[in-house]
Amino acid sequence: VAEHPMLVELGKRTGVPLVGVNYKDQ
């Protein structure tokens, strides 16, 4: 939760594709 804004920022600033792997979740 604390990290997520940094991922959003990373995508906006760099334009690189982000791939998410959701681990053992509902």
mmCIF file of all heavy atoms, coordinates in Angstrom:
data_MODEL
# 
_entry.id   MODEL 
# 
loop_
_atom_site.group_PDB 
_atom_site.id 
_atom_site.type_symbol 
_atom_site.label_atom_id 
_atom_site.label_alt_id 
_atom_site.label_comp_id 
_atom_site.label_asym_id 
_atom_site.label_entity_id 
_atom_site.label_seq_id 
_atom_site.pdbx_PDB_ins_code 
_atom_site.Cartn_x 
_atom_site.Cartn_y 
_atom_site.Cartn_z 
_atom_site.occupancy 
_atom_site.B_iso_or_equiv 
_atom_site.pdbx_formal_charge 
_atom_site.auth_seq_id 
_atom_site.auth_comp_id 
_atom_site.auth_asym_id 
_atom_site.auth_atom_id 
_atom_site.pdbx_PDB_model_num 
ATOM 1   N N   . VAL A 1 1  ? 0.836   -1.193  0.000   1.00 0.00 ? 1  VAL A N   1 
ATOM 2   C CA  . VAL A 1 1  ? 0.000   0.000   0.000   1.00 0.00 ? 1  VAL A CA  1 
ATOM 3   C C   . VAL A 1 1  ? 0.873   1.246   0.000   1.00 0.00 ? 1  VAL A C   1 
ATOM 4   O O   . VAL A 1 1  ? 0.641   2.194   -0.752  1.00 0.00 ? 1  VAL A O   1 
ATOM 5   C CB  . VAL A 1 1  ? -0.942  -0.001  1.221   1.00 0.00 ? 1  VAL A CB  1 
ATOM 6   C CG1 . VAL A 1 1  ? -1.751  1.292   1.275   1.00 0.00 ? 1  VAL A CG1 1 
ATOM 7   C CG2 . VAL A 1 1  ? -1.865  -1.215  1.193   1.00 0.00 ? 1  VAL A CG2 1 
ATOM 8   N N   . ALA A 1 2  ? 1.914   1.237   0.849   1.00 0.00 ? 2  ALA A N   1 
ATOM 9   C CA  . ALA A 1 2  ? 2.826   2.385   0.933   1.00 0.00 ? 2  ALA A CA  1 
ATOM 10  C C   . ALA A 1 2  ? 3.628   2.550   -0.354  1.00 0.00 ? 2  ALA A C   1 
ATOM 11  O O   . ALA A 1 2  ? 3.949   3.675   -0.757  1.00 0.00 ? 2  ALA A O   1 
ATOM 12  C CB  . ALA A 1 2  ? 3.766   2.206   2.126   1.00 0.00 ? 2  ALA A CB  1 
ATOM 13  N N   . GLU A 1 3  ? 3.936   1.455   -1.006  1.00 0.00 ? 3  GLU A N   1 
ATOM 14  C CA  . GLU A 1 3  ? 4.757   1.498   -2.209  1.00 0.00 ? 3  GLU A CA  1 
ATOM 15  C C   . GLU A 1 3  ? 3.986   1.944   -3.443  1.00 0.00 ? 3  GLU A C   1 
ATOM 16  O O   . GLU A 1 3  ? 4.559   2.567   -4.358  1.00 0.00 ? 3  GLU A O   1 
ATOM 17  C CB  . GLU A 1 3  ? 5.340   0.105   -2.475  1.00 0.00 ? 3  GLU A CB  1 
ATOM 18  C CG  . GLU A 1 3  ? 6.096   -0.007  -3.796  1.00 0.00 ? 3  GLU A CG  1 
ATOM 19  C CD  . GLU A 1 3  ? 6.455   -1.434  -4.153  1.00 0.00 ? 3  GLU A CD  1 
ATOM 20  O OE1 . GLU A 1 3  ? 5.539   -2.262  -4.349  1.00 0.00 ? 3  GLU A OE1 1 
ATOM 21  O OE2 . GLU A 1 3  ? 7.667   -1.708  -4.227  1.00 0.00 ? 3  GLU A OE2 1 
ATOM 22  N N   . HIS A 1 4  ? 2.706   1.663   -3.493  1.00 0.00 ? 4  HIS A N   1 
ATOM 23  C CA  . HIS A 1 4  ? 1.953   1.794   -4.740  1.00 0.00 ? 4  HIS A CA  1 
ATOM 24  C C   . HIS A 1 4  ? 2.043   3.174   -5.389  1.00 0.00 ? 4  HIS A C   1 
ATOM 25  O O   . HIS A 1 4  ? 2.187   3.264   -6.621  1.00 0.00 ? 4  HIS A O   1 
ATOM 26  C CB  . HIS A 1 4  ? 0.488   1.398   -4.520  1.00 0.00 ? 4  HIS A CB  1 
ATOM 27  C CG  . HIS A 1 4  ? -0.188  0.944   -5.767  1.00 0.00 ? 4  HIS A CG  1 
ATOM 28  N ND1 . HIS A 1 4  ? 0.082   -0.270  -6.368  1.00 0.00 ? 4  HIS A ND1 1 
ATOM 29  C CD2 . HIS A 1 4  ? -1.113  1.559   -6.549  1.00 0.00 ? 4  HIS A CD2 1 
ATOM 30  C CE1 . HIS A 1 4  ? -0.648  -0.405  -7.450  1.00 0.00 ? 4  HIS A CE1 1 
ATOM 31  N NE2 . HIS A 1 4  ? -1.390  0.698   -7.594  1.00 0.00 ? 4  HIS A NE2 1 
ATOM 32  N N   . PRO A 1 5  ? 1.958   4.267   -4.643  1.00 0.00 ? 5  PRO A N   1 
ATOM 33  C CA  . PRO A 1 5  ? 2.102   5.581   -5.294  1.00 0.00 ? 5  PRO A CA  1 
ATOM 34  C C   . PRO A 1 5  ? 3.434   5.732   -6.026  1.00 0.00 ? 5  PRO A C   1 
ATOM 35  O O   . PRO A 1 5  ? 3.506   6.446   -7.030  1.00 0.00 ? 5  PRO A O   1 
ATOM 36  C CB  . PRO A 1 5  ? 1.990   6.566   -4.126  1.00 0.00 ? 5  PRO A CB  1 
ATOM 37  C CG  . PRO A 1 5  ? 1.219   5.836   -3.085  1.00 0.00 ? 5  PRO A CG  1 
ATOM 38  C CD  . PRO A 1 5  ? 1.641   4.411   -3.207  1.00 0.00 ? 5  PRO A CD  1 
ATOM 39  N N   . MET A 1 6  ? 4.483   5.053   -5.545  1.00 0.00 ? 6  MET A N   1 
ATOM 40  C CA  . MET A 1 6  ? 5.773   5.129   -6.221  1.00 0.00 ? 6  MET A CA  1 
ATOM 41  C C   . MET A 1 6  ? 5.744   4.391   -7.557  1.00 0.00 ? 6  MET A C   1 
ATOM 42  O O   . MET A 1 6  ? 6.392   4.810   -8.524  1.00 0.00 ? 6  MET A O   1 
ATOM 43  C CB  . MET A 1 6  ? 6.866   4.536   -5.325  1.00 0.00 ? 6  MET A CB  1 
ATOM 44  C CG  . MET A 1 6  ? 7.086   5.286   -4.011  1.00 0.00 ? 6  MET A CG  1 
ATOM 45  S SD  . MET A 1 6  ? 7.638   6.989   -4.249  1.00 0.00 ? 6  MET A SD  1 
ATOM 46  C CE  . MET A 1 6  ? 6.091   7.894   -3.971  1.00 0.00 ? 6  MET A CE  1 
ATOM 47  N N   . LEU A 1 7  ? 4.972   3.320   -7.631  1.00 0.00 ? 7  LEU A N   1 
ATOM 48  C CA  . LEU A 1 7  ? 4.835   2.612   -8.907  1.00 0.00 ? 7  LEU A CA  1 
ATOM 49  C C   . LEU A 1 7  ? 4.064   3.465   -9.912  1.00 0.00 ? 7  LEU A C   1 
ATOM 50  O O   . LEU A 1 7  ? 4.427   3.521   -11.100 1.00 0.00 ? 7  LEU A O   1 
ATOM 51  C CB  . LEU A 1 7  ? 4.118   1.277   -8.690  1.00 0.00 ? 7  LEU A CB  1 
ATOM 52  C CG  . LEU A 1 7  ? 4.839   0.237   -7.840  1.00 0.00 ? 7  LEU A CG  1 
ATOM 53  C CD1 . LEU A 1 7  ? 3.953   -0.985  -7.639  1.00 0.00 ? 7  LEU A CD1 1 
ATOM 54  C CD2 . LEU A 1 7  ? 6.159   -0.166  -8.464  1.00 0.00 ? 7  LEU A CD2 1 
ATOM 55  N N   . VAL A 1 8  ? 3.015   4.116   -9.429  1.00 0.00 ? 8  VAL A N   1 
ATOM 56  C CA  . VAL A 1 8  ? 2.256   5.018   -10.304 1.00 0.00 ? 8  VAL A CA  1 
ATOM 57  C C   . VAL A 1 8  ? 3.167   6.136   -10.805 1.00 0.00 ? 8  VAL A C   1 
ATOM 58  O O   . VAL A 1 8  ? 3.167   6.477   -11.994 1.00 0.00 ? 8  VAL A O   1 
ATOM 59  C CB  . VAL A 1 8  ? 1.040   5.595   -9.553  1.00 0.00 ? 8  VAL A CB  1 
ATOM 60  C CG1 . VAL A 1 8  ? 0.327   6.631   -10.417 1.00 0.00 ? 8  VAL A CG1 1 
ATOM 61  C CG2 . VAL A 1 8  ? 0.074   4.473   -9.150  1.00 0.00 ? 8  VAL A CG2 1 
ATOM 62  N N   . GLU A 1 9  ? 3.964   6.694   -9.907  1.00 0.00 ? 9  GLU A N   1 
ATOM 63  C CA  . GLU A 1 9  ? 4.903   7.753   -10.269 1.00 0.00 ? 9  GLU A CA  1 
ATOM 64  C C   . GLU A 1 9  ? 5.956   7.246   -11.254 1.00 0.00 ? 9  GLU A C   1 
ATOM 65  O O   . GLU A 1 9  ? 6.317   7.942   -12.213 1.00 0.00 ? 9  GLU A O   1 
ATOM 66  C CB  . GLU A 1 9  ? 5.576   8.299   -9.005  1.00 0.00 ? 9  GLU A CB  1 
ATOM 67  C CG  . GLU A 1 9  ? 6.580   9.409   -9.236  1.00 0.00 ? 9  GLU A CG  1 
ATOM 68  C CD  . GLU A 1 9  ? 5.927   10.726  -9.627  1.00 0.00 ? 9  GLU A CD  1 
ATOM 69  O OE1 . GLU A 1 9  ? 4.684   10.831  -9.535  1.00 0.00 ? 9  GLU A OE1 1 
ATOM 70  O OE2 . GLU A 1 9  ? 6.662   11.640  -10.032 1.00 0.00 ? 9  GLU A OE2 1 
ATOM 71  N N   . LEU A 1 10 ? 6.442   6.044   -11.023 1.00 0.00 ? 10 LEU A N   1 
ATOM 72  C CA  . LEU A 1 10 ? 7.447   5.452   -11.910 1.00 0.00 ? 10 LEU A CA  1 
ATOM 73  C C   . LEU A 1 10 ? 6.913   5.326   -13.331 1.00 0.00 ? 10 LEU A C   1 
ATOM 74  O O   . LEU A 1 10 ? 7.594   5.655   -14.311 1.00 0.00 ? 10 LEU A O   1 
ATOM 75  C CB  . LEU A 1 10 ? 7.855   4.079   -11.376 1.00 0.00 ? 10 LEU A CB  1 
ATOM 76  C CG  . LEU A 1 10 ? 8.855   3.266   -12.213 1.00 0.00 ? 10 LEU A CG  1 
ATOM 77  C CD1 . LEU A 1 10 ? 10.191  3.997   -12.309 1.00 0.00 ? 10 LEU A CD1 1 
ATOM 78  C CD2 . LEU A 1 10 ? 9.047   1.873   -11.612 1.00 0.00 ? 10 LEU A CD2 1 
ATOM 79  N N   . GLY A 1 11 ? 5.682   4.847   -13.450 1.00 0.00 ? 11 GLY A N   1 
ATOM 80  C CA  . GLY A 1 11 ? 5.083   4.704   -14.774 1.00 0.00 ? 11 GLY A CA  1 
ATOM 81  C C   . GLY A 1 11 ? 4.893   6.040   -15.468 1.00 0.00 ? 11 GLY A C   1 
ATOM 82  O O   . GLY A 1 11 ? 5.151   6.177   -16.669 1.00 0.00 ? 11 GLY A O   1 
ATOM 83  N N   . LYS A 1 12 ? 4.455   7.048   -14.721 1.00 0.00 ? 12 LYS A N   1 
ATOM 84  C CA  . LYS A 1 12 ? 4.220   8.368   -15.302 1.00 0.00 ? 12 LYS A CA  1 
ATOM 85  C C   . LYS A 1 12 ? 5.520   9.027   -15.745 1.00 0.00 ? 12 LYS A C   1 
ATOM 86  O O   . LYS A 1 12 ? 5.589   9.638   -16.813 1.00 0.00 ? 12 LYS A O   1 
ATOM 87  C CB  . LYS A 1 12 ? 3.515   9.265   -14.285 1.00 0.00 ? 12 LYS A CB  1 
ATOM 88  C CG  . LYS A 1 12 ? 2.058   8.920   -14.039 1.00 0.00 ? 12 LYS A CG  1 
ATOM 89  C CD  . LYS A 1 12 ? 1.446   9.866   -13.022 1.00 0.00 ? 12 LYS A CD  1 
ATOM 90  C CE  . LYS A 1 12 ? -0.024  9.565   -12.778 1.00 0.00 ? 12 LYS A CE  1 
ATOM 91  N NZ  . LYS A 1 12 ? -0.614  10.476  -11.766 1.00 0.00 ? 12 LYS A NZ  1 
ATOM 92  N N   . ARG A 1 13 ? 6.565   8.889   -14.932 1.00 0.00 ? 13 ARG A N   1 
ATOM 93  C CA  . ARG A 1 13 ? 7.809   9.601   -15.215 1.00 0.00 ? 13 ARG A CA  1 
ATOM 94  C C   . ARG A 1 13 ? 8.646   8.948   -16.308 1.00 0.00 ? 13 ARG A C   1 
ATOM 95  O O   . ARG A 1 13 ? 9.396   9.623   -17.010 1.00 0.00 ? 13 ARG A O   1 
ATOM 96  C CB  . ARG A 1 13 ? 8.641   9.719   -13.930 1.00 0.00 ? 13 ARG A CB  1 
ATOM 97  C CG  . ARG A 1 13 ? 8.072   10.703  -12.936 1.00 0.00 ? 13 ARG A CG  1 
ATOM 98  C CD  . ARG A 1 13 ? 8.883   10.757  -11.662 1.00 0.00 ? 13 ARG A CD  1 
ATOM 99  N NE  . ARG A 1 13 ? 10.270  11.144  -11.882 1.00 0.00 ? 13 ARG A NE  1 
ATOM 100 C CZ  . ARG A 1 13 ? 11.158  11.318  -10.897 1.00 0.00 ? 13 ARG A CZ  1 
ATOM 101 N NH1 . ARG A 1 13 ? 10.785  11.153  -9.644  1.00 0.00 ? 13 ARG A NH1 1 
ATOM 102 N NH2 . ARG A 1 13 ? 12.395  11.670  -11.180 1.00 0.00 ? 13 ARG A NH2 1 
ATOM 103 N N   . THR A 1 14 ? 8.535   7.646   -16.442 1.00 0.00 ? 14 THR A N   1 
ATOM 104 C CA  . THR A 1 14 ? 9.422   6.940   -17.376 1.00 0.00 ? 14 THR A CA  1 
ATOM 105 C C   . THR A 1 14 ? 8.711   6.426   -18.615 1.00 0.00 ? 14 THR A C   1 
ATOM 106 O O   . THR A 1 14 ? 9.335   6.253   -19.665 1.00 0.00 ? 14 THR A O   1 
ATOM 107 C CB  . THR A 1 14 ? 10.102  5.751   -16.685 1.00 0.00 ? 14 THR A CB  1 
ATOM 108 O OG1 . THR A 1 14 ? 9.109   4.780   -16.329 1.00 0.00 ? 14 THR A OG1 1 
ATOM 109 C CG2 . THR A 1 14 ? 10.840  6.199   -15.424 1.00 0.00 ? 14 THR A CG2 1 
ATOM 110 N N   . GLY A 1 15 ? 7.433   6.146   -18.499 1.00 0.00 ? 15 GLY A N   1 
ATOM 111 C CA  . GLY A 1 15 ? 6.691   5.591   -19.624 1.00 0.00 ? 15 GLY A CA  1 
ATOM 112 C C   . GLY A 1 15 ? 6.988   4.131   -19.908 1.00 0.00 ? 15 GLY A C   1 
ATOM 113 O O   . GLY A 1 15 ? 6.493   3.571   -20.889 1.00 0.00 ? 15 GLY A O   1 
ATOM 114 N N   . VAL A 1 16 ? 7.782   3.481   -19.036 1.00 0.00 ? 16 VAL A N   1 
ATOM 115 C CA  . VAL A 1 16 ? 8.091   2.068   -19.273 1.00 0.00 ? 16 VAL A CA  1 
ATOM 116 C C   . VAL A 1 16 ? 6.888   1.212   -18.889 1.00 0.00 ? 16 VAL A C   1 
ATOM 117 O O   . VAL A 1 16 ? 6.124   1.554   -17.983 1.00 0.00 ? 16 VAL A O   1 
ATOM 118 C CB  . VAL A 1 16 ? 9.331   1.611   -18.463 1.00 0.00 ? 16 VAL A CB  1 
ATOM 119 C CG1 . VAL A 1 16 ? 10.554  2.417   -18.858 1.00 0.00 ? 16 VAL A CG1 1 
ATOM 120 C CG2 . VAL A 1 16 ? 9.074   1.720   -16.970 1.00 0.00 ? 16 VAL A CG2 1 
ATOM 121 N N   . PRO A 1 17 ? 6.664   0.094   -19.577 1.00 0.00 ? 17 PRO A N   1 
ATOM 122 C CA  . PRO A 1 17 ? 5.560   -0.795  -19.205 1.00 0.00 ? 17 PRO A CA  1 
ATOM 123 C C   . PRO A 1 17 ? 5.795   -1.412  -17.823 1.00 0.00 ? 17 PRO A C   1 
ATOM 124 O O   . PRO A 1 17 ? 6.908   -1.839  -17.507 1.00 0.00 ? 17 PRO A O   1 
ATOM 125 C CB  . PRO A 1 17 ? 5.597   -1.869  -20.295 1.00 0.00 ? 17 PRO A CB  1 
ATOM 126 C CG  . PRO A 1 17 ? 6.407   -1.286  -21.413 1.00 0.00 ? 17 PRO A CG  1 
ATOM 127 C CD  . PRO A 1 17 ? 7.390   -0.373  -20.772 1.00 0.00 ? 17 PRO A CD  1 
ATOM 128 N N   . LEU A 1 18 ? 4.751   -1.448  -17.021 1.00 0.00 ? 18 LEU A N   1 
ATOM 129 C CA  . LEU A 1 18 ? 4.780   -2.104  -15.717 1.00 0.00 ? 18 LEU A CA  1 
ATOM 130 C C   . LEU A 1 18 ? 3.899   -3.350  -15.772 1.00 0.00 ? 18 LEU A C   1 
ATOM 131 O O   . LEU A 1 18 ? 2.761   -3.298  -16.259 1.00 0.00 ? 18 LEU A O   1 
ATOM 132 C CB  . LEU A 1 18 ? 4.287   -1.175  -14.610 1.00 0.00 ? 18 LEU A CB  1 
ATOM 133 C CG  . LEU A 1 18 ? 5.315   -0.267  -13.930 1.00 0.00 ? 18 LEU A CG  1 
ATOM 134 C CD1 . LEU A 1 18 ? 5.883   0.755   -14.906 1.00 0.00 ? 18 LEU A CD1 1 
ATOM 135 C CD2 . LEU A 1 18 ? 4.696   0.438   -12.734 1.00 0.00 ? 18 LEU A CD2 1 
ATOM 136 N N   . VAL A 1 19 ? 4.443   -4.454  -15.280 1.00 0.00 ? 19 VAL A N   1 
ATOM 137 C CA  . VAL A 1 19 ? 3.720   -5.722  -15.238 1.00 0.00 ? 19 VAL A CA  1 
ATOM 138 C C   . VAL A 1 19 ? 3.538   -6.100  -13.770 1.00 0.00 ? 19 VAL A C   1 
ATOM 139 O O   . VAL A 1 19 ? 4.509   -6.139  -13.003 1.00 0.00 ? 19 VAL A O   1 
ATOM 140 C CB  . VAL A 1 19 ? 4.501   -6.829  -15.981 1.00 0.00 ? 19 VAL A CB  1 
ATOM 141 C CG1 . VAL A 1 19 ? 3.799   -8.177  -15.825 1.00 0.00 ? 19 VAL A CG1 1 
ATOM 142 C CG2 . VAL A 1 19 ? 4.664   -6.464  -17.450 1.00 0.00 ? 19 VAL A CG2 1 
ATOM 143 N N   . GLY A 1 20 ? 2.304   -6.367  -13.373 1.00 0.00 ? 20 GLY A N   1 
ATOM 144 C CA  . GLY A 1 20 ? 2.026   -6.711  -11.977 1.00 0.00 ? 20 GLY A CA  1 
ATOM 145 C C   . GLY A 1 20 ? 1.742   -8.190  -11.806 1.00 0.00 ? 20 GLY A C   1 
ATOM 146 O O   . GLY A 1 20 ? 1.033   -8.795  -12.619 1.00 0.00 ? 20 GLY A O   1 
ATOM 147 N N   . VAL A 1 21 ? 2.309   -8.768  -10.753 1.00 0.00 ? 21 VAL A N   1 
ATOM 148 C CA  . VAL A 1 21 ? 2.028   -10.160 -10.410 1.00 0.00 ? 21 VAL A CA  1 
ATOM 149 C C   . VAL A 1 21 ? 1.370   -10.160 -9.037  1.00 0.00 ? 21 VAL A C   1 
ATOM 150 O O   . VAL A 1 21 ? 2.017   -9.842  -8.029  1.00 0.00 ? 21 VAL A O   1 
ATOM 151 C CB  . VAL A 1 21 ? 3.301   -11.027 -10.398 1.00 0.00 ? 21 VAL A CB  1 
ATOM 152 C CG1 . VAL A 1 21 ? 2.934   -12.482 -10.112 1.00 0.00 ? 21 VAL A CG1 1 
ATOM 153 C CG2 . VAL A 1 21 ? 4.049   -10.920 -11.719 1.00 0.00 ? 21 VAL A CG2 1 
ATOM 154 N N   . ASN A 1 22 ? 0.094   -10.496 -9.007  1.00 0.00 ? 22 ASN A N   1 
ATOM 155 C CA  . ASN A 1 22 ? -0.676  -10.510 -7.768  1.00 0.00 ? 22 ASN A CA  1 
ATOM 156 C C   . ASN A 1 22 ? -0.482  -11.858 -7.075  1.00 0.00 ? 22 ASN A C   1 
ATOM 157 O O   . ASN A 1 22 ? -0.852  -12.902 -7.613  1.00 0.00 ? 22 ASN A O   1 
ATOM 158 C CB  . ASN A 1 22 ? -2.151  -10.255 -8.077  1.00 0.00 ? 22 ASN A CB  1 
ATOM 159 C CG  . ASN A 1 22 ? -3.006  -10.199 -6.830  1.00 0.00 ? 22 ASN A CG  1 
ATOM 160 O OD1 . ASN A 1 22 ? -3.946  -10.971 -6.689  1.00 0.00 ? 22 ASN A OD1 1 
ATOM 161 N ND2 . ASN A 1 22 ? -2.711  -9.299  -5.928  1.00 0.00 ? 22 ASN A ND2 1 
ATOM 162 N N   . TYR A 1 23 ? 0.085   -11.832 -5.867  1.00 0.00 ? 23 TYR A N   1 
ATOM 163 C CA  . TYR A 1 23 ? 0.568   -13.051 -5.210  1.00 0.00 ? 23 TYR A CA  1 
ATOM 164 C C   . TYR A 1 23 ? -0.435  -13.592 -4.187  1.00 0.00 ? 23 TYR A C   1 
ATOM 165 O O   . TYR A 1 23 ? -0.776  -12.911 -3.216  1.00 0.00 ? 23 TYR A O   1 
ATOM 166 C CB  . TYR A 1 23 ? 1.898   -12.746 -4.533  1.00 0.00 ? 23 TYR A CB  1 
ATOM 167 C CG  . TYR A 1 23 ? 2.510   -13.892 -3.766  1.00 0.00 ? 23 TYR A CG  1 
ATOM 168 C CD1 . TYR A 1 23 ? 3.157   -14.938 -4.421  1.00 0.00 ? 23 TYR A CD1 1 
ATOM 169 C CD2 . TYR A 1 23 ? 2.449   -13.927 -2.371  1.00 0.00 ? 23 TYR A CD2 1 
ATOM 170 C CE1 . TYR A 1 23 ? 3.728   -15.980 -3.714  1.00 0.00 ? 23 TYR A CE1 1 
ATOM 171 C CE2 . TYR A 1 23 ? 3.022   -14.971 -1.660  1.00 0.00 ? 23 TYR A CE2 1 
ATOM 172 C CZ  . TYR A 1 23 ? 3.666   -15.987 -2.329  1.00 0.00 ? 23 TYR A CZ  1 
ATOM 173 O OH  . TYR A 1 23 ? 4.234   -17.025 -1.630  1.00 0.00 ? 23 TYR A OH  1 
ATOM 174 N N   . LYS A 1 24 ? -0.924  -14.807 -4.424  1.00 0.00 ? 24 LYS A N   1 
ATOM 175 C CA  . LYS A 1 24 ? -1.765  -15.543 -3.465  1.00 0.00 ? 24 LYS A CA  1 
ATOM 176 C C   . LYS A 1 24 ? -2.827  -14.640 -2.837  1.00 0.00 ? 24 LYS A C   1 
ATOM 177 O O   . LYS A 1 24 ? -2.902  -14.487 -1.615  1.00 0.00 ? 24 LYS A O   1 
ATOM 178 C CB  . LYS A 1 24 ? -0.894  -16.186 -2.374  1.00 0.00 ? 24 LYS A CB  1 
ATOM 179 C CG  . LYS A 1 24 ? -0.025  -17.322 -2.888  1.00 0.00 ? 24 LYS A CG  1 
ATOM 180 C CD  . LYS A 1 24 ? 0.697   -18.040 -1.748  1.00 0.00 ? 24 LYS A CD  1 
ATOM 181 C CE  . LYS A 1 24 ? 1.497   -19.224 -2.262  1.00 0.00 ? 24 LYS A CE  1 
ATOM 182 N NZ  . LYS A 1 24 ? 2.173   -19.962 -1.187  1.00 0.00 ? 24 LYS A NZ  1 
ATOM 183 N N   . ASP A 1 25 ? -3.646  -14.072 -3.690  1.00 0.00 ? 25 ASP A N   1 
ATOM 184 C CA  . ASP A 1 25 ? -4.624  -13.084 -3.249  1.00 0.00 ? 25 ASP A CA  1 
ATOM 185 C C   . ASP A 1 25 ? -6.021  -13.496 -3.688  1.00 0.00 ? 25 ASP A C   1 
ATOM 186 O O   . ASP A 1 25 ? -6.183  -14.377 -4.548  1.00 0.00 ? 25 ASP A O   1 
ATOM 187 C CB  . ASP A 1 25 ? -4.253  -11.724 -3.869  1.00 0.00 ? 25 ASP A CB  1 
ATOM 188 C CG  . ASP A 1 25 ? -4.708  -10.545 -3.033  1.00 0.00 ? 25 ASP A CG  1 
ATOM 189 O OD1 . ASP A 1 25 ? -5.509  -10.738 -2.098  1.00 0.00 ? 25 ASP A OD1 1 
ATOM 190 O OD2 . ASP A 1 25 ? -4.261  -9.423  -3.321  1.00 0.00 ? 25 ASP A OD2 1 
ATOM 191 N N   . GLN A 1 26 ? -7.025  -12.868 -3.105  1.00 0.00 ? 26 GLN A N   1 
ATOM 192 C CA  . GLN A 1 26 ? -8.395  -13.025 -3.572  1.00 0.00 ? 26 GLN A CA  1 
ATOM 193 C C   . GLN A 1 26 ? -8.631  -12.020 -4.696  1.00 0.00 ? 26 GLN A C   1 
ATOM 194 O O   . GLN A 1 26 ? -8.275  -10.843 -4.567  1.00 0.00 ? 26 GLN A O   1 
ATOM 195 C CB  . GLN A 1 26 ? -9.372  -12.772 -2.426  1.00 0.00 ? 26 GLN A CB  1 
ATOM 196 C CG  . GLN A 1 26 ? -9.260  -13.757 -1.279  1.00 0.00 ? 26 GLN A CG  1 
ATOM 197 C CD  . GLN A 1 26 ? -9.666  -15.161 -1.683  1.00 0.00 ? 26 GLN A CD  1 
ATOM 198 O OE1 . GLN A 1 26 ? -10.581 -15.345 -2.497  1.00 0.00 ? 26 GLN A OE1 1 
ATOM 199 N NE2 . GLN A 1 26 ? -9.010  -16.154 -1.115  1.00 0.00 ? 26 GLN A NE2 1 
# 
